N, C-alpha and C. Protein backbone atom coordinates (compact mmCIF):
# COMPACT_ATOMS: atom_id res chain seq x y z
N MET A 1 95.34 132.82 135.94
CA MET A 1 95.47 133.68 134.78
C MET A 1 94.47 134.18 134.16
N GLY A 2 94.74 135.40 133.33
CA GLY A 2 93.63 136.54 132.91
C GLY A 2 92.30 135.79 132.63
N TRP A 3 92.38 134.77 131.62
CA TRP A 3 91.52 134.25 130.95
C TRP A 3 90.41 133.88 131.95
N GLN A 4 90.70 133.16 133.25
CA GLN A 4 89.89 132.64 134.18
C GLN A 4 89.40 133.42 134.90
N ALA A 5 89.77 134.20 134.94
CA ALA A 5 89.23 135.70 135.87
C ALA A 5 88.03 136.11 135.03
N ILE A 6 88.33 136.17 133.65
CA ILE A 6 87.26 136.57 132.85
C ILE A 6 86.16 135.78 132.60
N GLY A 7 86.59 134.39 132.58
CA GLY A 7 85.66 133.35 132.42
C GLY A 7 85.28 133.18 131.02
N VAL A 8 86.25 133.69 130.08
CA VAL A 8 85.99 133.59 128.70
C VAL A 8 87.05 132.45 128.07
N ALA A 9 86.48 131.40 127.31
CA ALA A 9 87.18 130.73 126.59
C ALA A 9 87.56 130.97 125.18
N ALA A 10 88.61 130.67 124.39
CA ALA A 10 88.97 131.18 123.13
C ALA A 10 89.39 129.68 122.40
N THR A 11 89.00 129.75 120.95
CA THR A 11 89.16 128.81 120.27
C THR A 11 89.91 129.24 119.13
N ILE A 12 90.79 128.61 118.64
CA ILE A 12 91.86 128.63 117.53
C ILE A 12 91.57 127.58 116.80
N PHE A 13 91.69 127.98 114.93
CA PHE A 13 91.57 126.89 114.22
C PHE A 13 92.87 126.57 113.46
N ILE A 14 93.19 125.57 113.39
CA ILE A 14 94.59 125.42 112.80
C ILE A 14 94.24 124.33 111.43
N ARG A 15 94.93 124.68 110.59
CA ARG A 15 94.74 123.85 109.12
C ARG A 15 96.14 123.37 109.05
N SER A 16 96.14 122.02 108.98
CA SER A 16 97.32 120.96 108.99
C SER A 16 97.62 120.73 107.72
N TYR A 17 98.87 120.99 107.40
CA TYR A 17 99.01 120.38 105.96
C TYR A 17 100.42 119.32 106.35
N ASN A 18 100.03 118.05 106.26
CA ASN A 18 100.97 117.07 106.69
C ASN A 18 101.92 116.39 105.65
N ASN A 19 102.58 117.39 105.52
CA ASN A 19 103.60 117.04 104.12
C ASN A 19 104.65 116.09 104.25
N PHE A 20 104.81 115.96 105.84
CA PHE A 20 105.73 114.75 106.11
C PHE A 20 104.95 113.52 105.99
N GLY A 21 103.81 113.45 106.16
CA GLY A 21 102.96 111.96 106.02
C GLY A 21 103.09 111.44 107.59
N VAL A 22 102.97 112.20 108.62
CA VAL A 22 102.95 111.62 109.76
C VAL A 22 101.80 110.51 110.23
N PRO A 23 101.84 109.31 110.56
CA PRO A 23 100.70 108.40 110.65
C PRO A 23 99.60 109.23 111.52
N ALA A 24 98.48 108.90 111.25
CA ALA A 24 97.21 109.34 111.85
C ALA A 24 97.42 109.03 113.61
N GLY A 25 97.77 108.04 113.85
CA GLY A 25 97.62 107.80 115.27
C GLY A 25 98.98 108.62 116.02
N ASP A 26 100.05 108.62 115.13
CA ASP A 26 101.15 109.59 115.85
C ASP A 26 100.79 111.09 115.99
N LEU A 27 99.92 111.65 114.77
CA LEU A 27 99.54 112.82 114.89
C LEU A 27 98.49 113.12 115.92
N ALA A 28 97.51 112.27 116.18
CA ALA A 28 96.48 112.48 117.14
C ALA A 28 97.28 112.67 118.53
N ALA A 29 98.27 111.65 118.85
CA ALA A 29 99.02 111.90 120.17
C ALA A 29 99.64 113.09 120.02
N ALA A 30 100.28 113.51 119.26
CA ALA A 30 101.08 114.71 119.17
C ALA A 30 99.93 116.01 119.46
N ARG A 31 98.93 115.97 118.90
CA ARG A 31 97.93 116.83 118.86
C ARG A 31 97.31 117.02 120.40
N GLU A 32 97.03 115.82 121.03
CA GLU A 32 96.84 115.78 122.47
C GLU A 32 97.77 116.64 123.29
N GLN A 33 99.20 116.45 122.90
CA GLN A 33 100.00 117.32 123.68
C GLN A 33 99.87 118.95 123.62
N VAL A 34 99.51 119.01 122.21
CA VAL A 34 99.57 120.55 122.02
C VAL A 34 98.16 121.15 122.75
N GLN A 35 97.10 120.37 122.81
CA GLN A 35 95.84 120.69 123.45
C GLN A 35 96.05 120.84 124.96
N ALA A 36 96.87 120.03 125.41
CA ALA A 36 97.13 120.00 127.13
C ALA A 36 97.93 121.18 127.15
N VAL A 37 98.73 121.66 126.57
CA VAL A 37 99.41 122.76 126.82
C VAL A 37 98.51 124.32 126.58
N PHE A 38 97.75 124.28 125.67
CA PHE A 38 96.87 125.73 125.45
C PHE A 38 95.65 125.47 126.17
N GLN A 39 95.21 124.41 126.73
CA GLN A 39 93.90 124.32 127.72
C GLN A 39 94.16 124.97 128.93
N GLU A 40 95.77 124.95 129.39
CA GLU A 40 95.83 125.81 130.64
C GLU A 40 95.68 127.34 130.29
N ALA A 41 95.61 127.71 128.78
CA ALA A 41 95.52 129.12 128.71
C ALA A 41 94.25 129.48 128.08
N GLY A 42 93.29 128.42 128.50
CA GLY A 42 91.95 128.62 128.00
C GLY A 42 91.68 128.77 126.73
N LEU A 43 92.58 127.80 125.97
CA LEU A 43 92.39 127.82 124.48
C LEU A 43 91.89 126.45 124.00
N ASN A 44 90.80 126.22 123.13
CA ASN A 44 90.55 125.03 122.58
C ASN A 44 90.91 124.97 121.09
N ILE A 45 91.36 123.94 120.44
CA ILE A 45 91.99 123.89 119.26
C ILE A 45 91.20 123.13 118.31
N VAL A 46 90.61 123.67 117.19
CA VAL A 46 89.86 123.01 116.30
C VAL A 46 90.88 122.63 115.01
N TRP A 47 90.98 121.38 114.68
CA TRP A 47 92.10 120.90 113.84
C TRP A 47 91.30 120.57 112.42
N THR A 48 91.87 121.13 111.24
CA THR A 48 91.31 120.80 109.84
C THR A 48 92.50 120.29 109.38
N ASP A 49 92.26 119.02 108.63
CA ASP A 49 93.61 118.50 107.75
C ASP A 49 93.22 118.77 106.53
N CYS A 50 94.19 119.41 105.93
CA CYS A 50 94.15 119.92 104.59
C CYS A 50 94.66 119.14 103.62
N TRP A 51 95.96 118.32 103.86
CA TRP A 51 96.21 117.17 103.19
C TRP A 51 97.15 116.48 103.85
N VAL A 52 97.46 115.34 103.35
CA VAL A 52 98.55 114.39 103.83
C VAL A 52 99.57 113.87 102.64
N GLY A 53 100.87 113.80 102.96
CA GLY A 53 101.88 113.46 102.30
C GLY A 53 101.97 114.16 101.23
N ASP A 54 102.15 113.86 99.80
CA ASP A 54 102.44 114.80 98.57
C ASP A 54 101.00 115.62 98.51
N ARG A 55 101.29 116.81 98.72
CA ARG A 55 99.99 117.97 98.49
C ARG A 55 99.62 117.56 97.03
N HIS A 56 100.21 117.49 96.08
CA HIS A 56 99.76 117.05 94.77
C HIS A 56 99.06 115.95 94.57
N ARG A 57 99.18 114.93 95.59
CA ARG A 57 98.61 113.74 95.31
C ARG A 57 97.20 113.30 96.15
N ALA A 58 97.60 114.02 97.42
CA ALA A 58 96.12 113.79 98.31
C ALA A 58 95.66 114.87 98.90
N ALA A 59 95.39 115.88 98.26
CA ALA A 59 94.59 116.93 99.09
C ALA A 59 93.39 116.63 99.51
N ALA A 60 93.12 117.18 100.75
CA ALA A 60 91.77 116.72 101.48
C ALA A 60 90.74 117.58 100.90
N ALA A 61 89.51 117.07 101.29
CA ALA A 61 88.36 117.84 100.67
C ALA A 61 87.60 118.74 101.59
N ALA A 62 88.16 119.00 102.70
CA ALA A 62 87.57 119.88 103.92
C ALA A 62 87.44 121.26 103.15
N PRO A 63 86.01 121.67 103.11
CA PRO A 63 85.90 122.82 102.60
C PRO A 63 86.67 124.24 103.22
N ARG A 64 86.85 123.90 104.44
CA ARG A 64 87.55 125.17 105.26
C ARG A 64 88.87 125.44 104.52
N CYS A 65 89.61 124.29 104.00
CA CYS A 65 91.06 124.43 103.32
C CYS A 65 90.88 125.47 102.16
N ALA A 66 89.98 125.51 101.54
CA ALA A 66 89.86 126.20 100.38
C ALA A 66 89.35 127.70 100.57
N GLU A 67 89.01 127.95 102.05
CA GLU A 67 88.51 129.13 102.30
C GLU A 67 89.41 130.32 102.64
N PRO A 68 89.21 131.55 102.51
CA PRO A 68 90.19 132.52 103.10
C PRO A 68 90.37 132.33 104.42
N LEU A 69 92.00 132.60 104.89
CA LEU A 69 92.32 131.96 106.20
C LEU A 69 91.50 132.81 107.39
N GLY A 70 90.96 134.11 107.33
CA GLY A 70 90.31 134.47 108.60
C GLY A 70 91.49 134.63 109.47
N GLY A 71 90.91 134.02 110.82
CA GLY A 71 92.05 134.06 111.73
C GLY A 71 92.59 132.64 111.87
N ASP A 72 92.51 131.60 110.97
CA ASP A 72 93.03 130.52 110.94
C ASP A 72 94.66 130.78 111.11
N ILE A 73 94.96 129.54 111.61
CA ILE A 73 96.67 129.19 111.73
C ILE A 73 96.88 127.99 110.65
N VAL A 74 98.06 128.32 109.94
CA VAL A 74 98.58 127.15 108.87
C VAL A 74 99.69 126.52 109.75
N LEU A 75 99.50 125.28 109.99
CA LEU A 75 100.82 124.31 110.55
C LEU A 75 101.25 123.51 109.26
N ARG A 76 102.49 123.51 108.80
CA ARG A 76 103.06 122.60 107.84
C ARG A 76 104.11 121.66 108.74
N LEU A 77 103.76 120.53 108.57
CA LEU A 77 104.58 119.40 109.18
C LEU A 77 105.41 119.03 107.84
N GLN A 78 106.74 119.19 107.98
CA GLN A 78 107.87 118.92 106.84
C GLN A 78 108.94 118.13 107.20
N LYS A 79 109.78 117.88 106.03
CA LYS A 79 110.76 116.95 106.12
C LYS A 79 112.03 118.14 106.09
N THR A 80 113.20 118.14 106.83
CA THR A 80 114.17 119.18 106.47
C THR A 80 114.73 118.81 104.87
N GLN A 81 115.19 120.02 104.46
CA GLN A 81 115.59 119.87 102.91
C GLN A 81 117.00 119.34 103.20
N GLU A 82 117.00 118.26 102.01
CA GLU A 82 118.42 117.86 102.11
C GLU A 82 119.74 118.74 102.01
N THR A 83 119.46 120.07 101.27
CA THR A 83 120.58 121.01 101.25
C THR A 83 120.92 121.69 102.40
N ASP A 84 119.95 121.36 103.88
CA ASP A 84 119.98 122.11 104.94
C ASP A 84 121.28 121.47 105.80
N ARG A 85 122.37 122.18 105.85
CA ARG A 85 123.33 121.82 106.38
C ARG A 85 123.86 122.27 107.89
N SER A 86 122.69 123.05 108.29
CA SER A 86 122.87 123.87 109.45
C SER A 86 123.55 122.73 110.81
N LYS A 87 124.20 123.10 111.59
CA LYS A 87 124.41 122.32 112.96
C LYS A 87 123.56 122.99 114.28
N PHE A 88 122.95 123.94 113.78
CA PHE A 88 121.66 124.39 114.88
C PHE A 88 120.56 123.53 114.48
N VAL A 89 120.07 122.76 115.67
CA VAL A 89 119.07 121.96 115.51
C VAL A 89 117.60 122.64 115.82
N SER A 90 117.00 123.12 114.88
CA SER A 90 115.81 123.87 115.31
C SER A 90 114.81 123.12 114.60
N MET A 91 113.72 122.66 115.25
CA MET A 91 112.63 121.94 115.18
C MET A 91 111.50 122.51 114.38
N GLY A 92 111.66 123.96 114.03
CA GLY A 92 110.93 124.55 113.45
C GLY A 92 110.98 126.08 113.46
N PHE A 93 110.14 126.85 112.80
CA PHE A 93 110.00 128.43 112.55
C PHE A 93 108.42 128.72 112.29
N SER A 94 108.34 130.09 112.71
CA SER A 94 107.21 130.51 112.45
C SER A 94 107.47 131.88 111.93
N LEU A 95 106.63 132.32 110.89
CA LEU A 95 106.64 133.50 110.26
C LEU A 95 105.76 134.83 111.08
N VAL A 96 106.59 135.59 111.73
CA VAL A 96 105.88 136.55 112.61
C VAL A 96 106.42 138.07 112.19
N GLY A 97 105.84 138.94 112.77
CA GLY A 97 106.21 140.36 112.50
C GLY A 97 105.91 141.04 111.27
N ILE A 98 105.04 140.27 110.84
CA ILE A 98 104.41 140.93 109.30
C ILE A 98 103.88 142.22 109.55
N PRO A 99 104.25 143.27 109.06
CA PRO A 99 103.80 144.70 108.94
C PRO A 99 102.27 144.53 108.64
N ASP A 100 101.40 144.92 109.47
CA ASP A 100 99.88 145.22 109.28
C ASP A 100 99.08 143.93 109.02
N ALA A 101 99.79 142.88 109.49
CA ALA A 101 99.17 141.68 109.18
C ALA A 101 99.18 140.67 110.42
N ALA A 102 98.45 139.70 110.93
CA ALA A 102 98.31 139.01 111.98
C ALA A 102 99.03 137.79 111.41
N PRO A 103 100.13 137.18 112.09
CA PRO A 103 100.83 135.98 111.74
C PRO A 103 100.09 134.89 111.54
N PHE A 104 100.10 133.85 110.43
CA PHE A 104 99.38 132.52 110.70
C PHE A 104 100.47 131.54 110.40
N LEU A 105 101.64 131.55 109.87
CA LEU A 105 102.08 130.40 109.47
C LEU A 105 103.17 129.89 110.57
N ALA A 106 103.17 128.59 110.75
CA ALA A 106 104.24 127.66 111.68
C ALA A 106 104.42 126.58 110.92
N THR A 107 105.73 126.18 110.89
CA THR A 107 106.38 125.02 110.18
C THR A 107 107.19 124.33 111.35
N VAL A 108 107.05 122.85 111.27
CA VAL A 108 107.65 121.93 112.13
C VAL A 108 108.16 121.00 111.49
N TYR A 109 109.75 120.72 111.50
CA TYR A 109 110.14 119.70 110.74
C TYR A 109 110.10 118.35 111.66
N VAL A 110 109.41 117.60 111.20
CA VAL A 110 109.38 116.33 112.11
C VAL A 110 110.39 115.33 112.25
N ASP A 111 111.13 115.18 110.98
CA ASP A 111 112.48 114.36 111.07
C ASP A 111 113.47 114.89 112.09
N ARG A 112 113.51 116.29 112.57
CA ARG A 112 114.23 116.62 113.37
C ARG A 112 113.68 116.49 114.99
N ALA A 113 112.41 116.57 115.06
CA ALA A 113 111.61 116.34 116.22
C ALA A 113 112.04 114.81 116.63
N GLU A 114 112.08 113.66 115.72
CA GLU A 114 112.24 112.35 115.98
C GLU A 114 113.61 112.36 116.23
N SER A 115 114.63 112.97 115.70
CA SER A 115 115.92 112.85 116.04
C SER A 115 116.36 113.16 117.65
N VAL A 116 115.70 114.45 117.78
CA VAL A 116 115.64 114.89 119.11
C VAL A 116 115.25 113.79 119.86
N ALA A 117 113.94 113.29 119.94
CA ALA A 117 113.44 112.26 120.70
C ALA A 117 114.22 111.29 120.77
N ARG A 118 114.80 110.55 119.70
CA ARG A 118 115.70 109.58 119.81
C ARG A 118 116.99 109.82 120.55
N GLY A 119 117.61 110.81 120.42
CA GLY A 119 118.77 111.28 121.29
C GLY A 119 118.38 111.39 122.72
N ALA A 120 117.39 111.76 123.14
CA ALA A 120 116.91 111.89 124.50
C ALA A 120 116.11 110.50 125.06
N GLY A 121 115.98 109.70 124.18
CA GLY A 121 115.22 108.50 124.59
C GLY A 121 114.07 108.66 125.08
N VAL A 122 113.18 109.38 124.51
CA VAL A 122 111.55 109.76 124.64
C VAL A 122 110.88 109.75 123.52
N ASP A 123 109.45 109.52 123.91
CA ASP A 123 108.52 109.38 122.94
C ASP A 123 108.47 110.49 121.90
N ALA A 124 108.70 110.25 120.56
CA ALA A 124 108.91 110.86 119.45
C ALA A 124 107.36 111.89 119.40
N ARG A 125 106.34 111.22 119.50
CA ARG A 125 105.14 112.00 119.66
C ARG A 125 104.87 113.10 120.45
N ARG A 126 105.45 112.93 121.73
CA ARG A 126 105.51 113.88 122.76
C ARG A 126 106.54 115.07 122.32
N VAL A 127 107.62 114.82 121.76
CA VAL A 127 108.40 115.86 121.25
C VAL A 127 107.88 116.83 120.13
N LEU A 128 107.13 115.76 119.19
CA LEU A 128 106.50 116.66 117.96
C LEU A 128 105.20 117.49 118.63
N GLY A 129 104.63 117.10 119.52
CA GLY A 129 103.44 117.88 120.21
C GLY A 129 103.88 119.03 120.67
N LEU A 130 105.19 118.90 121.47
CA LEU A 130 105.66 120.10 121.97
C LEU A 130 106.31 120.95 121.14
N ALA A 131 106.90 120.61 119.93
CA ALA A 131 107.64 121.56 118.98
C ALA A 131 106.25 122.42 118.46
N ILE A 132 105.29 121.49 118.11
CA ILE A 132 104.09 122.15 117.36
C ILE A 132 103.31 123.22 118.46
N ALA A 133 103.22 122.91 119.51
CA ALA A 133 102.82 123.80 120.58
C ALA A 133 103.74 125.12 120.61
N HIS A 134 105.18 124.82 120.62
CA HIS A 134 106.12 126.05 120.77
C HIS A 134 106.13 127.19 119.53
N GLU A 135 105.82 126.24 118.26
CA GLU A 135 105.66 127.20 117.04
C GLU A 135 104.54 127.95 116.88
N ILE A 136 103.26 127.20 117.51
CA ILE A 136 101.89 128.19 117.41
C ILE A 136 102.15 129.09 118.54
N GLY A 137 102.82 128.80 119.59
CA GLY A 137 103.10 130.00 120.56
C GLY A 137 103.83 131.09 120.09
N HIS A 138 104.74 130.76 119.19
CA HIS A 138 105.07 132.04 118.59
C HIS A 138 104.27 132.85 117.71
N VAL A 139 103.24 132.05 117.01
CA VAL A 139 102.46 132.81 116.13
C VAL A 139 101.66 133.51 116.96
N LEU A 140 101.01 133.07 117.87
CA LEU A 140 100.02 133.92 118.87
C LEU A 140 100.57 134.98 119.43
N LEU A 141 102.10 134.57 119.96
CA LEU A 141 102.85 135.83 120.66
C LEU A 141 102.99 136.82 119.46
N ASN A 142 103.17 136.50 118.56
CA ASN A 142 103.66 137.36 117.24
C ASN A 142 105.15 137.90 117.61
N SER A 143 105.98 136.84 118.14
CA SER A 143 107.38 137.18 118.35
C SER A 143 108.20 135.83 118.07
N ASN A 144 109.48 136.02 117.81
CA ASN A 144 110.51 135.03 117.79
C ASN A 144 111.22 134.95 119.15
N SER A 145 110.85 135.86 119.99
CA SER A 145 111.86 135.82 121.42
C SER A 145 111.36 134.61 121.90
N HIS A 146 112.38 134.24 122.66
CA HIS A 146 112.32 133.26 123.78
C HIS A 146 112.47 133.46 125.12
N ALA A 147 111.62 132.71 126.09
CA ALA A 147 111.61 132.92 127.53
C ALA A 147 112.87 132.06 128.03
N GLN A 148 113.02 132.37 129.37
CA GLN A 148 114.13 131.70 130.02
C GLN A 148 113.75 130.36 130.64
N SER A 149 112.41 130.18 130.62
CA SER A 149 112.07 128.81 131.33
C SER A 149 110.51 128.79 130.43
N GLY A 150 110.08 127.42 130.64
CA GLY A 150 108.90 126.78 130.27
C GLY A 150 108.96 126.63 128.89
N LEU A 151 107.79 126.42 128.20
CA LEU A 151 107.77 125.63 126.78
C LEU A 151 108.37 126.88 125.77
N MET A 152 108.35 128.03 125.89
CA MET A 152 108.86 129.00 124.96
C MET A 152 110.24 129.37 125.14
N ARG A 153 111.05 128.31 126.05
CA ARG A 153 112.76 128.57 125.87
C ARG A 153 113.06 128.01 124.94
N ALA A 154 114.54 128.41 124.45
CA ALA A 154 114.82 128.25 123.01
C ALA A 154 115.45 127.03 123.08
N ASP A 155 116.34 126.31 124.25
CA ASP A 155 117.22 125.02 124.36
C ASP A 155 116.30 124.04 125.14
N TRP A 156 116.20 123.04 124.58
CA TRP A 156 115.46 121.80 125.20
C TRP A 156 116.70 120.58 125.30
N SER A 157 117.04 120.68 126.63
CA SER A 157 118.17 119.53 126.68
C SER A 157 117.54 118.24 126.75
N ARG A 158 118.20 117.02 126.63
CA ARG A 158 118.15 115.81 126.72
C ARG A 158 117.39 115.58 128.29
N ARG A 159 118.04 116.01 129.31
CA ARG A 159 117.75 115.78 130.61
C ARG A 159 116.49 116.52 130.90
N GLU A 160 116.13 117.45 130.16
CA GLU A 160 114.86 118.34 130.57
C GLU A 160 113.63 117.20 129.98
N LEU A 161 114.02 117.01 128.73
CA LEU A 161 112.97 116.20 127.92
C LEU A 161 112.57 114.82 128.83
N ARG A 162 113.80 114.35 129.44
CA ARG A 162 113.62 112.84 130.14
C ARG A 162 112.81 112.91 131.37
N ARG A 163 112.88 114.44 132.16
CA ARG A 163 112.00 114.50 133.24
C ARG A 163 110.54 114.67 133.37
N ASP A 164 110.01 113.96 134.17
CA ASP A 164 108.47 114.40 134.04
C ASP A 164 108.22 115.50 134.94
N ASP A 165 108.16 116.61 134.38
CA ASP A 165 107.80 118.00 135.06
C ASP A 165 107.18 118.77 134.32
N PRO A 166 105.69 118.72 134.27
CA PRO A 166 104.91 119.47 133.42
C PRO A 166 105.08 120.81 133.28
N ALA A 167 105.43 121.29 134.57
CA ALA A 167 105.87 122.81 134.72
C ALA A 167 106.86 123.34 133.95
N ALA A 168 107.75 122.34 133.51
CA ALA A 168 109.04 122.68 132.42
C ALA A 168 108.15 122.89 130.84
N TRP A 169 107.07 122.59 130.73
CA TRP A 169 106.39 122.56 129.34
C TRP A 169 105.11 123.48 129.16
N ARG A 170 105.10 124.20 130.11
CA ARG A 170 103.86 125.11 129.96
C ARG A 170 104.35 126.43 129.73
N LEU A 171 103.07 127.14 129.21
CA LEU A 171 103.39 128.54 128.92
C LEU A 171 103.46 129.46 130.49
N LEU A 172 104.38 130.18 130.32
CA LEU A 172 104.57 131.15 131.79
C LEU A 172 103.28 131.78 131.63
N ASP A 173 102.67 132.63 132.78
CA ASP A 173 101.47 133.20 133.03
C ASP A 173 101.23 134.06 132.10
N PRO A 174 102.34 135.18 131.94
CA PRO A 174 102.05 136.19 130.87
C PRO A 174 101.94 135.92 129.64
N GLU A 175 102.64 134.68 129.11
CA GLU A 175 102.72 134.31 128.01
C GLU A 175 101.13 133.59 127.50
N ALA A 176 100.53 133.04 128.66
CA ALA A 176 99.40 132.21 128.65
C ALA A 176 98.31 133.25 128.63
N ALA A 177 98.27 134.47 129.03
CA ALA A 177 97.68 135.62 129.02
C ALA A 177 97.39 136.31 127.79
N HIS A 178 98.66 136.47 127.23
CA HIS A 178 98.83 137.02 125.80
C HIS A 178 98.37 136.18 124.67
N VAL A 179 98.66 134.72 124.65
CA VAL A 179 98.15 133.90 123.47
C VAL A 179 96.57 133.68 123.74
N HIS A 180 96.10 133.84 124.82
CA HIS A 180 94.42 133.94 125.13
C HIS A 180 93.84 135.34 124.21
N ALA A 181 94.49 136.32 124.59
CA ALA A 181 94.05 137.47 124.21
C ALA A 181 94.00 137.65 122.61
N SER A 182 95.31 137.02 122.27
CA SER A 182 95.50 137.04 120.61
C SER A 182 94.52 136.13 120.05
N ALA A 183 94.19 135.05 120.58
CA ALA A 183 93.34 133.87 120.14
C ALA A 183 91.77 134.93 119.88
N LEU A 184 91.37 135.43 121.10
CA LEU A 184 90.09 135.96 120.88
C LEU A 184 90.28 137.06 119.72
N GLU A 185 91.13 138.02 119.81
CA GLU A 185 91.17 139.05 118.73
C GLU A 185 91.18 138.27 117.07
N ARG A 186 92.09 137.20 117.08
CA ARG A 186 92.11 136.42 115.85
C ARG A 186 90.60 136.38 115.01
N ARG A 187 89.86 136.28 116.01
CA ARG A 187 88.32 135.71 115.22
C ARG A 187 87.85 137.22 114.82
N THR A 188 88.37 138.29 115.06
CA THR A 188 87.55 139.54 114.49
C THR A 188 88.57 140.39 113.64
N ASP A 189 89.82 139.76 113.73
CA ASP A 189 90.92 140.95 113.30
C ASP A 189 90.94 140.24 111.53
N LYS A 190 90.60 141.42 110.83
CA LYS A 190 90.62 141.19 109.47
C LYS A 190 91.94 141.46 108.59
N ARG A 191 92.99 141.76 109.56
CA ARG A 191 94.30 141.89 108.83
C ARG A 191 95.29 140.68 108.58
N VAL A 192 94.58 139.41 108.92
CA VAL A 192 95.15 138.26 108.69
C VAL A 192 95.45 138.10 107.00
N VAL A 193 96.63 137.63 106.78
CA VAL A 193 96.89 137.43 105.32
C VAL A 193 96.25 136.46 104.74
N VAL A 194 95.65 136.65 103.57
CA VAL A 194 94.51 135.88 102.81
C VAL A 194 95.42 134.61 102.42
N ALA A 195 95.12 133.71 102.38
CA ALA A 195 95.74 132.39 101.72
C ALA A 195 94.75 131.22 101.28
N THR A 196 94.90 130.30 100.36
CA THR A 196 94.17 129.28 100.33
C THR A 196 94.77 127.78 100.57
N HIS A 197 94.40 126.79 99.99
CA HIS A 197 95.09 125.71 100.40
C HIS A 197 96.13 125.41 99.38
N GLU A 198 96.20 126.47 98.61
CA GLU A 198 97.40 126.24 97.56
C GLU A 198 98.79 126.80 98.18
N ALA A 199 98.60 127.58 99.25
CA ALA A 199 99.90 128.29 99.96
C ALA A 199 100.94 127.20 100.31
N PRO A 200 100.92 126.34 101.03
CA PRO A 200 101.90 125.74 101.76
C PRO A 200 102.33 124.81 100.66
């Protein structure tokens, strides 16, 4: 991949808003899955926990959470709204394609990830990690388009989730090169939308 040829690693900073209240151990396991995906693209992830559970009740004291975003990515871990009756099982979404601004917001529905994991009979923490990596991938690619294979494909079957095939859950080489370049650019790009800990 391109980053290996250049020999430059990149770091992305993710501010986590755990509105769902995912237990710390489960979240740590999911994050390990996310890191494994992006490590292959030469990315290191630094996580900042900005709050857990009800944001009005347990806001974290991490100073970074109150600072302007800069190049940070905001990850919201949510529960599906009760009014959502969609039959399309999407485990999350990312806000991308913003004119004159770098995207920053990714949302993952934890209850949907858990439901998908139950249906496939696999570890929910793994599915949550893959869902987070997928949405962060959309942010770094600045696109909601999907690939034909790999992590960024649109459909994940139960059979695929059960298979022990790491290649099925990695970024394709062009995607890896793109997210690496994007991560490097985010550290100096001033067009990222400004937000504080009150936004999510």
